[in-house]
Amino acid sequence: MKKPKPSKPKVPQVSIRGETHAKVKEYCDKKGITVTSFIDKLCKEFLEL
């Protein structure tokens, strides 16, 4: 039997709710980026990666 192809590593789902989410979404829309990439950049900066 063939081994199944390794699937992509699962990305943990990050959710922000309410007012914070609305503000983040508005910011991201203005910048033309996705909320996910915003969170990714934020984490990298915060963790100094």
PDB file of N, CA and C in Angstrom:
ATOM      1  N   MET A   1       0.836  -1.215   0.000  1.00  0.00           N
ATOM      2  CA  MET A   1       0.000   0.000   0.000  1.00  0.00           C
ATOM      3  C   MET A   1       0.868   1.260   0.000  1.00  0.00           C
ATOM      4  N   LYS A   2       0.423   2.225  -0.770  1.00  0.00           N
ATOM      5  CA  LYS A   2       1.143   3.495  -0.805  1.00  0.00           C
ATOM      6  C   LYS A   2       0.817   4.314   0.440  1.00  0.00           C
ATOM      7  N   LYS A   3       1.831   5.007   0.894  1.00  0.00           N
ATOM      8  CA  LYS A   3       1.591   5.904   2.032  1.00  0.00           C
ATOM      9  C   LYS A   3       0.883   7.152   1.513  1.00  0.00           C
ATOM     10  N   PRO A   4      -0.077   7.660   2.268  1.00  0.00           N
ATOM     11  CA  PRO A   4      -0.726   8.907   1.821  1.00  0.00           C
ATOM     12  C   PRO A   4       0.262  10.066   1.870  1.00  0.00           C
ATOM     13  N   LYS A   5       0.081  10.997   0.944  1.00  0.00           N
ATOM     14  CA  LYS A   5       0.963  12.160   0.922  1.00  0.00           C
ATOM     15  C   LYS A   5       0.810  12.931   2.230  1.00  0.00           C
ATOM     16  N   PRO A   6       1.933  13.424   2.766  1.00  0.00           N
ATOM     17  CA  PRO A   6       1.802  14.203   4.007  1.00  0.00           C
ATOM     18  C   PRO A   6       0.971  15.457   3.751  1.00  0.00           C
ATOM     19  N   SER A   7      -0.002  15.675   4.586  1.00  0.00           N
ATOM     20  CA  SER A   7      -0.852  16.849   4.405  1.00  0.00           C
ATOM     21  C   SER A   7      -0.145  18.074   4.968  1.00  0.00           C
ATOM     22  N   LYS A   8      -0.631  19.227   4.566  1.00  0.00           N
ATOM     23  CA  LYS A   8      -0.051  20.468   5.060  1.00  0.00           C
ATOM     24  C   LYS A   8      -0.233  20.531   6.569  1.00  0.00           C
ATOM     25  N   PRO A   9       0.765  21.077   7.272  1.00  0.00           N
ATOM     26  CA  PRO A   9       0.589  21.198   8.724  1.00  0.00           C
ATOM     27  C   PRO A   9      -0.606  22.094   9.028  1.00  0.00           C
ATOM     28  N   LYS A  10      -1.372  21.704  10.020  1.00  0.00           N
ATOM     29  CA  LYS A  10      -2.562  22.488  10.346  1.00  0.00           C
ATOM     30  C   LYS A  10      -2.159  23.794  11.013  1.00  0.00           C
ATOM     31  N   VAL A  11      -2.760  24.857  10.543  1.00  0.00           N
ATOM     32  CA  VAL A  11      -2.501  26.170  11.115  1.00  0.00           C
ATOM     33  C   VAL A  11      -3.510  26.386  12.233  1.00  0.00           C
ATOM     34  N   PRO A  12      -3.015  26.718  13.424  1.00  0.00           N
ATOM     35  CA  PRO A  12      -3.978  26.951  14.503  1.00  0.00           C
ATOM     36  C   PRO A  12      -4.886  28.135  14.178  1.00  0.00           C
ATOM     37  N   GLN A  13      -6.154  27.977  14.450  1.00  0.00           N
ATOM     38  CA  GLN A  13      -7.110  29.045  14.164  1.00  0.00           C
ATOM     39  C   GLN A  13      -7.064  30.087  15.274  1.00  0.00           C
ATOM     40  N   VAL A  14      -6.867  31.319  14.874  1.00  0.00           N
ATOM     41  CA  VAL A  14      -6.866  32.412  15.837  1.00  0.00           C
ATOM     42  C   VAL A  14      -8.126  33.221  15.588  1.00  0.00           C
ATOM     43  N   SER A  15      -8.854  33.493  16.636  1.00  0.00           N
ATOM     44  CA  SER A  15     -10.046  34.309  16.438  1.00  0.00           C
ATOM     45  C   SER A  15     -10.041  35.496  17.384  1.00  0.00           C
ATOM     46  N   ILE A  16     -10.437  36.617  16.830  1.00  0.00           N
ATOM     47  CA  ILE A  16     -10.621  37.812  17.642  1.00  0.00           C
ATOM     48  C   ILE A  16     -12.069  38.219  17.479  1.00  0.00           C
ATOM     49  N   ARG A  17     -12.688  38.599  18.553  1.00  0.00           N
ATOM     50  CA  ARG A  17     -14.126  38.856  18.499  1.00  0.00           C
ATOM     51  C   ARG A  17     -14.478  40.303  18.835  1.00  0.00           C
ATOM     52  N   GLY A  18     -15.694  40.620  18.468  1.00  0.00           N
ATOM     53  CA  GLY A  18     -16.284  41.894  18.871  1.00  0.00           C
ATOM     54  C   GLY A  18     -15.600  43.111  18.290  1.00  0.00           C
ATOM     55  N   GLU A  19     -15.471  44.117  19.129  1.00  0.00           N
ATOM     56  CA  GLU A  19     -14.948  45.412  18.717  1.00  0.00           C
ATOM     57  C   GLU A  19     -13.524  45.306  18.184  1.00  0.00           C
ATOM     58  N   THR A  20     -12.711  44.485  18.850  1.00  0.00           N
ATOM     59  CA  THR A  20     -11.326  44.312  18.416  1.00  0.00           C
ATOM     60  C   THR A  20     -11.279  43.794  16.990  1.00  0.00           C
ATOM     61  N   HIS A  21     -12.094  42.784  16.707  1.00  0.00           N
ATOM     62  CA  HIS A  21     -12.118  42.194  15.366  1.00  0.00           C
ATOM     63  C   HIS A  21     -12.535  43.227  14.331  1.00  0.00           C
ATOM     64  N   ALA A  22     -13.538  44.011  14.656  1.00  0.00           N
ATOM     65  CA  ALA A  22     -14.021  45.039  13.729  1.00  0.00           C
ATOM     66  C   ALA A  22     -12.905  46.032  13.396  1.00  0.00           C
ATOM     67  N   LYS A  23     -12.165  46.457  14.416  1.00  0.00           N
ATOM     68  CA  LYS A  23     -11.085  47.420  14.209  1.00  0.00           C
ATOM     69  C   LYS A  23      -9.945  46.813  13.411  1.00  0.00           C
ATOM     70  N   VAL A  24      -9.603  45.563  13.732  1.00  0.00           N
ATOM     71  CA  VAL A  24      -8.530  44.881  13.006  1.00  0.00           C
ATOM     72  C   VAL A  24      -8.922  44.690  11.547  1.00  0.00           C
ATOM     73  N   LYS A  25     -10.168  44.274  11.316  1.00  0.00           N
ATOM     74  CA  LYS A  25     -10.637  44.043   9.946  1.00  0.00           C
ATOM     75  C   LYS A  25     -10.610  45.349   9.151  1.00  0.00           C
ATOM     76  N   GLU A  26     -11.042  46.413   9.773  1.00  0.00           N
ATOM     77  CA  GLU A  26     -11.042  47.727   9.122  1.00  0.00           C
ATOM     78  C   GLU A  26      -9.617  48.137   8.744  1.00  0.00           C
ATOM     79  N   TYR A  27      -8.687  47.956   9.672  1.00  0.00           N
ATOM     80  CA  TYR A  27      -7.280  48.273   9.439  1.00  0.00           C
ATOM     81  C   TYR A  27      -6.720  47.444   8.285  1.00  0.00           C
ATOM     82  N   CYS A  28      -7.014  46.144   8.324  1.00  0.00           N
ATOM     83  CA  CYS A  28      -6.507  45.240   7.292  1.00  0.00           C
ATOM     84  C   CYS A  28      -7.075  45.576   5.922  1.00  0.00           C
ATOM     85  N   ASP A  29      -8.355  45.935   5.882  1.00  0.00           N
ATOM     86  CA  ASP A  29      -8.980  46.321   4.618  1.00  0.00           C
ATOM     87  C   ASP A  29      -8.299  47.556   4.037  1.00  0.00           C
ATOM     88  N   LYS A  30      -7.981  48.531   4.891  1.00  0.00           N
ATOM     89  CA  LYS A  30      -7.302  49.745   4.442  1.00  0.00           C
ATOM     90  C   LYS A  30      -5.920  49.415   3.891  1.00  0.00           C
ATOM     91  N   LYS A  31      -5.222  48.502   4.573  1.00  0.00           N
ATOM     92  CA  LYS A  31      -3.868  48.126   4.171  1.00  0.00           C
ATOM     93  C   LYS A  31      -3.864  47.130   3.018  1.00  0.00           C
ATOM     94  N   GLY A  32      -5.032  46.522   2.766  1.00  0.00           N
ATOM     95  CA  GLY A  32      -5.129  45.534   1.694  1.00  0.00           C
ATOM     96  C   GLY A  32      -4.462  44.215   2.047  1.00  0.00           C
ATOM     97  N   ILE A  33      -4.502  43.869   3.334  1.00  0.00           N
ATOM     98  CA  ILE A  33      -3.933  42.593   3.777  1.00  0.00           C
ATOM     99  C   ILE A  33      -5.011  41.772   4.472  1.00  0.00           C
ATOM    100  N   THR A  34      -4.729  40.485   4.654  1.00  0.00           N
ATOM    101  CA  THR A  34      -5.693  39.640   5.352  1.00  0.00           C
ATOM    102  C   THR A  34      -5.452  39.721   6.851  1.00  0.00           C
ATOM    103  N   VAL A  35      -6.482  39.419   7.603  1.00  0.00           N
ATOM    104  CA  VAL A  35      -6.378  39.414   9.059  1.00  0.00           C
ATOM    105  C   VAL A  35      -5.321  38.392   9.487  1.00  0.00           C
ATOM    106  N   THR A  36      -5.290  37.257   8.789  1.00  0.00           N
ATOM    107  CA  THR A  36      -4.317  36.204   9.117  1.00  0.00           C
ATOM    108  C   THR A  36      -2.886  36.707   8.972  1.00  0.00           C
ATOM    109  N   SER A  37      -2.599  37.391   7.866  1.00  0.00           N
ATOM    110  CA  SER A  37      -1.236  37.877   7.672  1.00  0.00           C
ATOM    111  C   SER A  37      -0.901  38.981   8.673  1.00  0.00           C
ATOM    112  N   PHE A  38      -1.904  39.755   9.057  1.00  0.00           N
ATOM    113  CA  PHE A  38      -1.715  40.787  10.073  1.00  0.00           C
ATOM    114  C   PHE A  38      -1.322  40.154  11.401  1.00  0.00           C
ATOM    115  N   ILE A  39      -2.056  39.110  11.795  1.00  0.00           N
ATOM    116  CA  ILE A  39      -1.775  38.407  13.047  1.00  0.00           C
ATOM    117  C   ILE A  39      -0.387  37.772  12.982  1.00  0.00           C
ATOM    118  N   ASP A  40      -0.058  37.201  11.826  1.00  0.00           N
ATOM    119  CA  ASP A  40       1.252  36.582  11.633  1.00  0.00           C
ATOM    120  C   ASP A  40       2.370  37.601  11.835  1.00  0.00           C
ATOM    121  N   LYS A  41       2.231  38.765  11.199  1.00  0.00           N
ATOM    122  CA  LYS A  41       3.236  39.821  11.337  1.00  0.00           C
ATOM    123  C   LYS A  41       3.318  40.307  12.774  1.00  0.00           C
ATOM    124  N   LEU A  42       2.165  40.471  13.388  1.00  0.00           N
ATOM    125  CA  LEU A  42       2.097  40.940  14.763  1.00  0.00           C
ATOM    126  C   LEU A  42       2.831  39.980  15.689  1.00  0.00           C
ATOM    127  N   CYS A  43       2.572  38.694  15.516  1.00  0.00           N
ATOM    128  CA  CYS A  43       3.220  37.668  16.341  1.00  0.00           C
ATOM    129  C   CYS A  43       4.727  37.672  16.129  1.00  0.00           C
ATOM    130  N   LYS A  44       5.141  37.777  14.871  1.00  0.00           N
ATOM    131  CA  LYS A  44       6.572  37.777  14.572  1.00  0.00           C
ATOM    132  C   LYS A  44       7.263  38.972  15.216  1.00  0.00           C
ATOM    133  N   GLU A  45       6.637  40.136  15.126  1.00  0.00           N
ATOM    134  CA  GLU A  45       7.217  41.332  15.729  1.00  0.00           C
ATOM    135  C   GLU A  45       7.246  41.206  17.241  1.00  0.00           C
ATOM    136  N   PHE A  46       6.140  40.763  17.801  1.00  0.00           N
ATOM    137  CA  PHE A  46       6.012  40.662  19.247  1.00  0.00           C
ATOM    138  C   PHE A  46       7.000  39.655  19.823  1.00  0.00           C
ATOM    139  N   LEU A  47       7.163  38.546  19.111  1.00  0.00           N
ATOM    140  CA  LEU A  47       8.060  37.492  19.589  1.00  0.00           C
ATOM    141  C   LEU A  47       9.485  37.672  19.070  1.00  0.00           C
ATOM    142  N   GLU A  48       9.689  38.754  18.295  1.00  0.00           N
ATOM    143  CA  GLU A  48      10.986  39.080  17.712  1.00  0.00           C
ATOM    144  C   GLU A  48      11.565  37.902  16.940  1.00  0.00           C
ATOM    145  N   LEU A  49      10.747  37.362  16.029  1.00  0.00           N
ATOM    146  CA  LEU A  49      11.190  36.224  15.218  1.00  0.00           C
ATOM    147  C   LEU A  49      11.883  36.719  13.959  1.00  0.00           C
TER     148      LEU A  49
END
